[in-house]
N, C-alpha and C. Protein backbone atom coordinates (compact mmCIF):
# COMPACT_ATOMS: atom_id res chain seq x y z
N MET A 1 -58.61 -5.30 23.66
CA MET A 1 -57.62 -4.38 24.03
C MET A 1 -58.02 -3.20 24.95
N GLU A 2 -57.21 -2.90 25.96
CA GLU A 2 -57.62 -1.98 27.04
C GLU A 2 -57.25 -0.58 26.46
N GLU A 3 -58.09 0.25 26.63
CA GLU A 3 -58.04 1.72 26.12
C GLU A 3 -56.99 2.47 27.19
N VAL A 4 -55.97 3.11 26.60
CA VAL A 4 -55.09 3.90 27.44
C VAL A 4 -55.42 5.35 27.51
N LYS A 5 -55.82 5.70 28.70
CA LYS A 5 -56.15 7.01 29.01
C LYS A 5 -55.11 7.89 29.56
N GLN A 6 -55.18 9.17 28.90
CA GLN A 6 -53.98 10.18 29.29
C GLN A 6 -54.62 10.94 30.41
N THR A 7 -53.49 11.37 31.38
CA THR A 7 -53.91 12.15 32.28
C THR A 7 -54.03 13.63 31.94
N PRO A 8 -54.66 14.62 32.75
CA PRO A 8 -54.84 15.95 32.19
C PRO A 8 -53.61 16.44 31.99
N GLN A 9 -52.48 16.28 32.80
CA GLN A 9 -51.14 16.78 32.70
C GLN A 9 -50.46 16.36 31.39
N GLU A 10 -50.69 14.89 30.81
CA GLU A 10 -50.11 14.55 29.64
C GLU A 10 -50.88 15.14 28.42
N ILE A 11 -52.17 15.42 28.55
CA ILE A 11 -52.96 16.12 27.59
C ILE A 11 -52.37 17.43 27.39
N LYS A 12 -52.13 18.22 28.55
CA LYS A 12 -51.69 19.59 28.46
C LYS A 12 -50.25 19.56 28.04
N GLU A 13 -49.41 18.75 28.13
CA GLU A 13 -48.15 18.62 27.63
C GLU A 13 -47.84 18.04 26.19
N LYS A 14 -48.87 17.92 25.56
CA LYS A 14 -48.94 17.18 24.26
C LYS A 14 -48.18 17.94 23.24
N TYR A 15 -47.28 17.23 22.66
CA TYR A 15 -46.51 17.90 21.63
C TYR A 15 -47.14 18.70 20.40
N VAL A 16 -46.68 19.79 20.11
CA VAL A 16 -47.31 20.72 19.21
C VAL A 16 -46.24 20.66 18.22
N ARG A 17 -46.62 20.20 16.88
CA ARG A 17 -45.68 20.29 15.72
C ARG A 17 -45.61 21.79 15.34
N PRO A 18 -44.24 22.25 15.11
CA PRO A 18 -44.16 23.61 14.77
C PRO A 18 -44.53 24.07 13.21
N SER A 19 -45.10 25.31 13.20
CA SER A 19 -45.41 25.72 11.78
C SER A 19 -44.13 25.66 11.02
N TRP A 20 -44.42 25.70 9.55
CA TRP A 20 -43.39 25.62 8.54
C TRP A 20 -42.48 27.00 8.91
N ASP A 21 -43.09 28.10 9.24
CA ASP A 21 -42.21 29.18 9.46
C ASP A 21 -41.38 28.91 10.72
N LYS A 22 -41.78 28.41 11.77
CA LYS A 22 -40.96 28.21 12.86
C LYS A 22 -39.90 27.08 12.58
N TYR A 23 -40.27 26.14 11.71
CA TYR A 23 -39.49 25.09 11.47
C TYR A 23 -38.17 25.43 10.64
N PHE A 24 -38.35 26.48 9.72
CA PHE A 24 -37.37 26.89 8.93
C PHE A 24 -36.57 27.76 9.72
N LEU A 25 -37.25 28.73 10.59
CA LEU A 25 -36.46 29.79 11.16
C LEU A 25 -35.37 29.12 12.22
N ALA A 26 -36.01 28.01 12.91
CA ALA A 26 -35.11 27.27 13.85
C ALA A 26 -33.99 26.56 13.27
N LEU A 27 -33.80 26.66 11.84
CA LEU A 27 -32.48 26.03 11.25
C LEU A 27 -31.64 27.27 10.89
N LEU A 28 -31.93 28.43 11.23
CA LEU A 28 -31.05 29.47 11.10
C LEU A 28 -29.87 29.53 11.82
N GLU A 29 -30.05 29.38 13.22
CA GLU A 29 -29.05 29.39 14.25
C GLU A 29 -27.91 28.40 13.99
N PRO A 30 -28.28 26.96 13.86
CA PRO A 30 -27.16 26.19 13.69
C PRO A 30 -26.58 26.44 12.28
N LEU A 31 -27.20 26.80 11.30
CA LEU A 31 -26.63 27.11 9.92
C LEU A 31 -25.61 28.24 10.05
N GLY A 32 -25.97 29.34 10.91
CA GLY A 32 -25.13 30.57 11.06
C GLY A 32 -23.94 30.21 11.72
N ARG A 33 -23.86 29.06 12.44
CA ARG A 33 -22.60 28.55 13.17
C ARG A 33 -21.52 28.39 12.10
N ARG A 34 -21.73 28.12 10.73
CA ARG A 34 -21.05 27.83 9.92
C ARG A 34 -20.25 29.21 9.19
N GLY A 35 -20.96 30.22 9.57
CA GLY A 35 -20.39 31.58 9.10
C GLY A 35 -18.78 31.74 9.50
N THR A 36 -18.04 32.42 8.76
CA THR A 36 -16.86 32.77 8.94
C THR A 36 -16.41 34.32 9.28
N CYS A 37 -17.50 34.99 9.59
CA CYS A 37 -17.44 36.48 9.75
C CYS A 37 -18.26 36.55 11.36
N ASP A 38 -17.67 36.87 12.36
CA ASP A 38 -18.26 37.16 13.65
C ASP A 38 -19.18 38.21 13.89
N ARG A 39 -19.30 39.00 12.95
CA ARG A 39 -20.01 40.31 12.83
C ARG A 39 -21.89 39.86 13.01
N GLY A 40 -22.03 38.67 12.51
CA GLY A 40 -23.61 38.51 12.68
C GLY A 40 -23.73 36.96 12.59
N ARG A 41 -22.94 36.15 12.04
CA ARG A 41 -23.06 34.68 12.00
C ARG A 41 -24.50 34.41 11.37
N ALA A 42 -24.79 35.34 10.23
CA ALA A 42 -26.10 35.14 9.68
C ALA A 42 -26.32 33.93 8.78
N ALA A 43 -27.57 33.51 8.59
CA ALA A 43 -27.76 32.36 7.71
C ALA A 43 -29.02 32.60 7.10
N SER A 44 -29.41 31.86 5.92
CA SER A 44 -30.76 32.08 5.40
C SER A 44 -30.88 30.56 4.71
N VAL A 45 -32.24 30.44 4.28
CA VAL A 45 -32.98 29.26 3.86
C VAL A 45 -33.71 29.63 2.73
N ILE A 46 -33.86 29.06 1.63
CA ILE A 46 -34.81 29.38 0.60
C ILE A 46 -35.55 28.20 0.44
N VAL A 47 -36.89 28.31 0.58
CA VAL A 47 -37.82 27.14 0.56
C VAL A 47 -38.79 27.19 -0.67
N SER A 48 -39.18 26.23 -1.37
CA SER A 48 -40.04 26.36 -2.41
C SER A 48 -41.39 26.43 -1.83
N PRO A 49 -42.38 26.93 -2.81
CA PRO A 49 -43.77 27.12 -2.32
C PRO A 49 -44.44 25.73 -1.81
N HIS A 50 -43.75 24.67 -2.18
CA HIS A 50 -44.29 23.30 -1.47
C HIS A 50 -43.57 23.00 -0.17
N ASN A 51 -42.77 23.93 0.40
CA ASN A 51 -41.88 23.83 1.73
C ASN A 51 -40.92 22.69 1.43
N THR A 52 -40.22 22.70 0.59
CA THR A 52 -38.98 21.96 0.20
C THR A 52 -37.84 22.92 0.31
N ILE A 53 -36.74 22.51 1.01
CA ILE A 53 -35.49 23.46 1.10
C ILE A 53 -34.78 23.34 -0.21
N LEU A 54 -34.65 24.45 -0.87
CA LEU A 54 -33.84 24.55 -1.96
C LEU A 54 -32.48 24.85 -1.89
N ALA A 55 -32.14 25.69 -0.91
CA ALA A 55 -30.74 26.07 -0.59
C ALA A 55 -30.61 26.54 0.83
N THR A 56 -29.34 26.54 1.29
CA THR A 56 -29.02 27.37 2.56
C THR A 56 -27.82 28.13 2.37
N GLY A 57 -27.63 29.28 3.09
CA GLY A 57 -26.59 30.12 3.02
C GLY A 57 -26.05 30.68 4.37
N TYR A 58 -24.89 31.02 4.37
CA TYR A 58 -24.29 31.72 5.55
C TYR A 58 -23.37 32.67 5.16
N ALA A 59 -23.03 33.67 5.86
CA ALA A 59 -22.22 34.63 5.80
C ALA A 59 -20.59 34.13 5.78
N GLY A 60 -19.86 34.08 4.62
CA GLY A 60 -18.74 33.73 4.54
C GLY A 60 -18.00 34.09 3.29
N ALA A 61 -16.65 33.93 3.06
CA ALA A 61 -15.86 34.44 2.03
C ALA A 61 -16.04 33.34 0.92
N PRO A 62 -16.14 33.71 -0.34
CA PRO A 62 -16.07 32.63 -1.44
C PRO A 62 -15.15 31.60 -1.23
N PRO A 63 -15.35 30.60 -1.91
CA PRO A 63 -14.25 29.45 -1.79
C PRO A 63 -12.83 29.93 -2.18
N GLY A 64 -12.03 29.30 -1.60
CA GLY A 64 -10.55 29.65 -1.97
C GLY A 64 -10.12 30.93 -1.29
N MET A 65 -10.77 31.81 -0.76
CA MET A 65 -10.65 33.19 -0.38
C MET A 65 -10.33 33.08 1.41
N PRO A 66 -9.47 33.83 1.88
CA PRO A 66 -9.34 33.97 3.21
C PRO A 66 -10.70 34.36 4.02
N HIS A 67 -10.87 33.86 5.28
CA HIS A 67 -12.08 34.17 5.98
C HIS A 67 -11.80 35.06 7.12
N CYS A 68 -12.83 36.05 7.54
CA CYS A 68 -12.66 36.97 8.49
C CYS A 68 -12.09 36.30 9.79
N ASP A 69 -12.41 35.15 10.13
CA ASP A 69 -12.02 34.51 11.42
C ASP A 69 -10.51 34.12 11.27
N GLU A 70 -10.02 34.02 10.04
CA GLU A 70 -8.62 33.63 9.81
C GLU A 70 -7.79 34.86 9.74
N VAL A 71 -8.22 36.07 8.96
CA VAL A 71 -7.30 37.29 8.76
C VAL A 71 -7.90 38.62 9.22
N GLY A 72 -9.01 38.55 9.67
CA GLY A 72 -9.60 39.89 10.21
C GLY A 72 -10.78 40.37 9.05
N HIS A 73 -11.37 41.44 9.48
CA HIS A 73 -12.36 41.96 8.68
C HIS A 73 -11.82 42.84 7.47
N MET A 74 -12.61 42.98 6.56
CA MET A 74 -12.08 44.04 5.53
C MET A 74 -13.33 44.98 5.60
N MET A 75 -13.01 46.03 6.29
CA MET A 75 -14.21 47.02 6.66
C MET A 75 -14.49 48.16 5.59
N ASN A 76 -15.46 48.59 5.36
CA ASN A 76 -15.87 49.64 4.54
C ASN A 76 -16.78 50.60 5.33
N THR A 77 -16.51 51.80 5.36
CA THR A 77 -17.31 53.05 5.93
C THR A 77 -18.42 53.55 5.00
N VAL A 78 -19.74 53.39 5.21
CA VAL A 78 -20.68 53.90 4.39
C VAL A 78 -21.26 55.20 5.14
N ILE A 79 -21.27 56.20 4.35
CA ILE A 79 -22.00 57.54 4.81
C ILE A 79 -23.26 57.52 4.17
N HIS A 80 -24.36 57.71 5.06
CA HIS A 80 -25.71 57.78 4.58
C HIS A 80 -26.26 59.02 4.19
N GLU A 81 -27.38 59.06 3.45
CA GLU A 81 -27.83 60.47 2.98
C GLU A 81 -28.07 61.47 4.27
N ASP A 82 -28.50 60.74 5.44
CA ASP A 82 -28.84 61.59 6.63
C ASP A 82 -27.22 62.07 7.36
N GLY A 83 -26.17 61.55 6.90
CA GLY A 83 -24.91 61.93 7.46
C GLY A 83 -24.44 60.89 8.49
N THR A 84 -25.24 59.81 8.86
CA THR A 84 -24.85 58.82 9.68
C THR A 84 -23.86 57.80 8.87
N GLN A 85 -23.04 57.25 9.80
CA GLN A 85 -22.26 56.09 9.14
C GLN A 85 -22.51 54.97 9.70
N SER A 86 -22.19 53.87 8.84
CA SER A 86 -22.12 52.56 9.32
C SER A 86 -20.92 51.87 8.72
N GLN A 87 -20.57 50.64 9.44
CA GLN A 87 -19.57 49.84 9.20
C GLN A 87 -19.90 48.59 8.49
N HIS A 88 -19.34 48.22 7.30
CA HIS A 88 -19.70 47.01 6.65
C HIS A 88 -18.54 46.11 6.42
N CYS A 89 -18.45 44.88 6.54
CA CYS A 89 -17.43 43.96 6.18
C CYS A 89 -17.57 43.42 4.82
N VAL A 90 -16.83 43.69 4.00
CA VAL A 90 -16.92 43.22 2.56
C VAL A 90 -16.01 42.03 2.13
N ARG A 91 -15.40 41.42 3.22
CA ARG A 91 -14.81 40.09 2.78
C ARG A 91 -15.67 38.89 2.43
N THR A 92 -16.88 38.93 3.10
CA THR A 92 -17.73 37.96 3.05
C THR A 92 -18.91 38.07 2.08
N LEU A 93 -19.38 37.11 1.51
CA LEU A 93 -20.69 37.13 0.94
C LEU A 93 -21.71 37.07 1.96
N HIS A 94 -23.05 37.71 1.70
CA HIS A 94 -24.00 37.75 2.73
C HIS A 94 -24.68 36.33 2.61
N ALA A 95 -25.35 35.92 3.70
CA ALA A 95 -26.17 34.61 3.73
C ALA A 95 -27.10 34.46 2.65
N GLU A 96 -27.79 35.56 2.26
CA GLU A 96 -28.84 35.52 1.26
C GLU A 96 -28.08 35.46 -0.16
N GLU A 97 -26.99 36.12 -0.23
CA GLU A 97 -26.28 36.07 -1.51
C GLU A 97 -25.73 34.56 -1.64
N ASN A 98 -25.16 33.88 -0.67
CA ASN A 98 -24.77 32.49 -0.75
C ASN A 98 -25.86 31.59 -1.13
N ALA A 99 -27.05 31.94 -0.65
CA ALA A 99 -28.05 30.84 -0.94
C ALA A 99 -28.55 30.83 -2.34
N ILE A 100 -28.65 32.23 -2.81
CA ILE A 100 -29.08 32.40 -4.14
C ILE A 100 -28.01 31.98 -5.15
N LEU A 101 -26.85 32.28 -4.89
CA LEU A 101 -25.70 31.87 -5.77
C LEU A 101 -25.69 30.27 -5.67
N GLN A 102 -25.99 29.59 -4.71
CA GLN A 102 -26.03 28.15 -4.60
C GLN A 102 -27.09 27.58 -5.52
N CYS A 103 -28.21 28.27 -5.56
CA CYS A 103 -29.20 28.00 -6.50
C CYS A 103 -28.86 28.24 -7.96
N ALA A 104 -28.14 29.37 -8.17
CA ALA A 104 -27.72 29.51 -9.53
C ALA A 104 -26.87 28.51 -10.05
N LYS A 105 -25.69 28.09 -9.16
CA LYS A 105 -24.76 27.10 -9.57
C LYS A 105 -25.36 25.90 -9.67
N ASP A 106 -26.40 25.48 -9.10
CA ASP A 106 -27.30 24.21 -9.17
C ASP A 106 -28.30 24.19 -10.23
N GLY A 107 -28.54 25.36 -10.84
CA GLY A 107 -29.47 25.40 -11.92
C GLY A 107 -31.07 25.29 -11.27
N ILE A 108 -31.14 26.00 -10.02
CA ILE A 108 -32.51 25.74 -9.50
C ILE A 108 -33.32 27.17 -9.46
N ARG A 109 -34.49 27.23 -9.95
CA ARG A 109 -35.51 28.38 -10.05
C ARG A 109 -35.87 28.73 -8.63
N LEU A 110 -36.08 29.94 -8.46
CA LEU A 110 -36.52 30.43 -7.33
C LEU A 110 -37.88 31.40 -7.28
N GLU A 111 -38.56 31.17 -8.55
CA GLU A 111 -39.79 31.92 -8.79
C GLU A 111 -40.86 31.41 -7.69
N GLY A 112 -41.31 32.26 -6.85
CA GLY A 112 -42.34 32.12 -5.92
C GLY A 112 -41.86 31.48 -4.49
N ALA A 113 -40.53 31.32 -4.47
CA ALA A 113 -39.85 30.87 -3.21
C ALA A 113 -40.02 31.81 -2.04
N THR A 114 -39.82 31.16 -0.91
CA THR A 114 -39.84 31.97 0.54
C THR A 114 -38.31 32.02 0.93
N MET A 115 -37.85 33.15 1.73
CA MET A 115 -36.46 33.07 2.12
C MET A 115 -36.59 33.42 3.50
N TYR A 116 -35.89 32.64 4.42
CA TYR A 116 -36.05 32.75 5.89
C TYR A 116 -34.60 33.40 6.29
N CYS A 117 -34.46 34.27 7.06
CA CYS A 117 -33.14 35.16 7.38
C CYS A 117 -33.22 35.41 8.75
N LYS A 118 -31.94 35.55 9.27
CA LYS A 118 -31.70 36.12 10.68
C LYS A 118 -32.08 37.33 10.78
N MET A 119 -31.69 38.23 9.79
CA MET A 119 -32.32 39.59 9.77
C MET A 119 -32.61 40.10 8.36
N ALA A 120 -33.42 41.15 8.45
CA ALA A 120 -33.84 41.87 7.11
C ALA A 120 -32.52 42.08 6.28
N PRO A 121 -32.66 41.76 5.01
CA PRO A 121 -31.45 41.88 4.19
C PRO A 121 -31.06 43.51 3.95
N CYS A 122 -29.85 43.40 3.65
CA CYS A 122 -29.46 44.77 3.09
C CYS A 122 -29.93 45.11 1.58
N TYR A 123 -29.70 46.31 1.12
CA TYR A 123 -30.42 46.69 -0.05
C TYR A 123 -30.13 45.80 -1.28
N ASN A 124 -28.65 45.48 -1.23
CA ASN A 124 -28.18 44.82 -2.47
C ASN A 124 -28.56 43.28 -2.46
N CYS A 125 -28.69 42.83 -1.25
CA CYS A 125 -29.50 41.39 -1.24
C CYS A 125 -30.80 41.43 -1.53
N ALA A 126 -31.64 42.60 -1.13
CA ALA A 126 -32.93 42.79 -1.36
C ALA A 126 -33.21 42.79 -3.08
N MET A 127 -32.37 43.61 -3.65
CA MET A 127 -32.49 43.60 -5.13
C MET A 127 -32.28 42.21 -5.77
N ARG A 128 -31.23 41.40 -5.25
CA ARG A 128 -31.05 39.90 -5.72
C ARG A 128 -32.21 39.18 -5.46
N ILE A 129 -32.85 39.24 -4.28
CA ILE A 129 -34.10 38.56 -3.91
C ILE A 129 -35.07 39.04 -4.90
N LEU A 130 -35.41 40.29 -5.10
CA LEU A 130 -36.28 40.60 -6.01
C LEU A 130 -36.26 40.15 -7.58
N ARG A 131 -34.83 40.17 -7.88
CA ARG A 131 -34.53 39.63 -9.25
C ARG A 131 -34.73 38.30 -9.57
N VAL A 132 -34.61 37.33 -8.46
CA VAL A 132 -34.82 35.85 -8.66
C VAL A 132 -36.13 35.43 -8.71
N GLY A 133 -37.10 36.39 -8.16
CA GLY A 133 -38.39 35.97 -8.02
C GLY A 133 -39.04 35.47 -6.82
N ILE A 134 -38.16 35.51 -5.53
CA ILE A 134 -38.53 35.20 -4.39
C ILE A 134 -39.82 36.16 -4.08
N LYS A 135 -40.80 35.60 -3.51
CA LYS A 135 -42.02 36.30 -3.15
C LYS A 135 -42.32 36.68 -1.78
N LYS A 136 -41.61 36.04 -0.67
CA LYS A 136 -41.90 36.25 0.71
C LYS A 136 -40.36 36.18 1.41
N LEU A 137 -40.22 37.06 2.30
CA LEU A 137 -39.20 37.06 3.13
C LEU A 137 -39.52 37.04 4.59
N VAL A 138 -39.09 36.20 5.36
CA VAL A 138 -39.41 35.99 6.80
C VAL A 138 -37.95 36.33 7.48
N ALA A 139 -37.97 37.41 8.43
CA ALA A 139 -36.72 37.64 9.11
C ALA A 139 -36.92 37.56 10.71
N ILE A 140 -36.02 37.14 11.47
CA ILE A 140 -36.35 37.14 12.81
C ILE A 140 -36.33 38.48 13.37
N LYS A 141 -35.21 39.26 12.83
CA LYS A 141 -35.07 40.59 13.39
C LYS A 141 -34.89 41.54 12.26
N ARG A 142 -34.76 42.87 12.68
CA ARG A 142 -34.50 43.87 11.63
C ARG A 142 -32.93 44.07 11.40
N TYR A 143 -32.43 44.52 10.54
CA TYR A 143 -31.09 45.11 10.09
C TYR A 143 -31.02 46.54 10.29
N HIS A 144 -29.91 46.99 10.79
CA HIS A 144 -29.88 48.38 11.17
C HIS A 144 -29.81 49.40 9.86
N SER A 145 -29.74 48.92 8.68
CA SER A 145 -29.90 49.57 7.53
C SER A 145 -30.81 48.93 6.36
N ASP A 146 -31.95 48.71 6.95
CA ASP A 146 -32.91 47.95 6.04
C ASP A 146 -34.15 48.73 5.51
N ALA A 147 -34.06 49.98 5.86
CA ALA A 147 -35.18 50.98 5.48
C ALA A 147 -35.52 50.76 3.79
N LYS A 148 -34.37 50.90 3.17
CA LYS A 148 -34.74 50.78 1.58
C LYS A 148 -34.96 49.54 1.16
N SER A 149 -34.53 48.42 1.90
CA SER A 149 -35.05 46.94 1.37
C SER A 149 -36.39 46.83 1.67
N VAL A 150 -36.87 47.39 2.96
CA VAL A 150 -38.34 47.23 3.27
C VAL A 150 -39.36 47.97 2.24
N GLU A 151 -38.61 49.21 1.89
CA GLU A 151 -39.47 49.96 0.92
C GLU A 151 -39.45 49.24 -0.49
N LEU A 152 -38.37 48.67 -0.83
CA LEU A 152 -38.20 48.01 -2.06
C LEU A 152 -39.38 46.78 -2.12
N PHE A 153 -39.30 46.01 -1.01
CA PHE A 153 -40.26 45.06 -0.96
C PHE A 153 -41.66 45.37 -1.05
N ALA A 154 -41.93 46.42 -0.39
CA ALA A 154 -43.46 47.05 -0.34
C ALA A 154 -43.69 47.52 -1.68
N LYS A 155 -42.94 47.99 -2.27
CA LYS A 155 -43.16 48.69 -3.83
C LYS A 155 -43.36 47.50 -4.88
N THR A 156 -42.51 46.22 -4.59
CA THR A 156 -42.63 45.30 -5.58
C THR A 156 -43.46 43.96 -5.30
N GLY A 157 -44.23 44.16 -4.10
CA GLY A 157 -44.97 43.01 -3.91
C GLY A 157 -44.46 41.90 -3.10
N ILE A 158 -43.16 41.95 -2.67
CA ILE A 158 -42.57 41.05 -1.89
C ILE A 158 -43.14 41.14 -0.43
N GLN A 159 -43.59 40.09 0.03
CA GLN A 159 -44.25 39.89 1.43
C GLN A 159 -43.09 39.95 2.27
N PHE A 160 -43.02 40.71 3.31
CA PHE A 160 -41.93 40.97 4.17
C PHE A 160 -42.51 40.88 5.49
N VAL A 161 -41.86 39.77 6.47
CA VAL A 161 -42.28 39.58 7.75
C VAL A 161 -41.04 39.73 8.66
N ALA A 162 -41.12 40.83 9.62
CA ALA A 162 -40.04 40.70 10.94
C ALA A 162 -40.75 40.31 11.97
N LEU A 163 -40.18 39.14 12.53
CA LEU A 163 -40.93 38.63 13.78
C LEU A 163 -40.64 39.53 14.96
N GLU A 164 -39.55 40.30 14.93
CA GLU A 164 -39.34 41.22 16.04
C GLU A 164 -39.02 42.54 15.54
N ASN A 165 -39.41 43.35 16.13
CA ASN A 165 -39.02 44.88 15.63
C ASN A 165 -37.84 45.38 16.30
N THR A 166 -36.79 44.37 16.46
CA THR A 166 -35.69 44.82 17.02
C THR A 166 -34.48 44.61 16.23
N VAL A 167 -33.61 45.37 16.32
CA VAL A 167 -32.34 45.38 15.34
C VAL A 167 -31.28 44.53 15.87
N VAL A 168 -30.89 43.52 14.99
CA VAL A 168 -29.66 42.69 15.23
C VAL A 168 -28.47 43.62 15.54
N GLU A 169 -27.85 43.40 16.69
CA GLU A 169 -26.61 44.20 17.13
C GLU A 169 -25.45 43.43 17.00
N TYR A 170 -24.23 44.05 16.40
CA TYR A 170 -23.10 43.31 16.40
C TYR A 170 -21.88 44.28 16.41
N LYS A 171 -20.67 43.89 16.49
CA LYS A 171 -19.64 44.66 16.70
C LYS A 171 -19.28 45.34 15.58
N ASN A 172 -19.00 46.75 15.65
CA ASN A 172 -18.59 47.84 14.65
C ASN A 172 -19.69 48.00 13.65
N GLN A 173 -20.78 48.19 14.28
CA GLN A 173 -21.95 48.29 13.54
C GLN A 173 -22.11 49.70 13.20
């Protein structure tokens, strides 16, 4: 049998298998397209310590409730300790919540799991992440109101990684 030799160009262009982090992060954009709130189209993936997908979630209203894309946003204004204000749509469940709730519905334990997100979670989602035993969170970007979440993760030993130190920007932030 004749040996097949690769050219230098073929060797240079050799396929590189993505890391687990890159693999799971690449799922967020298509998952986020299912979101029904155009303010972020956020998504999340929860993965076992053995790299098995346990659940996915995206920003959307609970089953049977109207969606932002159908009836508009339900906005709340939050006034922060420093006097700044931010806008939050409360019609939808966050992507992180939806993934965690799917696991609860299906009876799936999350102890030691990793969560992948489009952006760092809000404080309420961060508390839920802590409560269910997720040990690592990988976000593509930061969230405009994530300081308390990042502090909570640091205090409780949850490994937090933000690939980009830029804030996700969206309408009515």
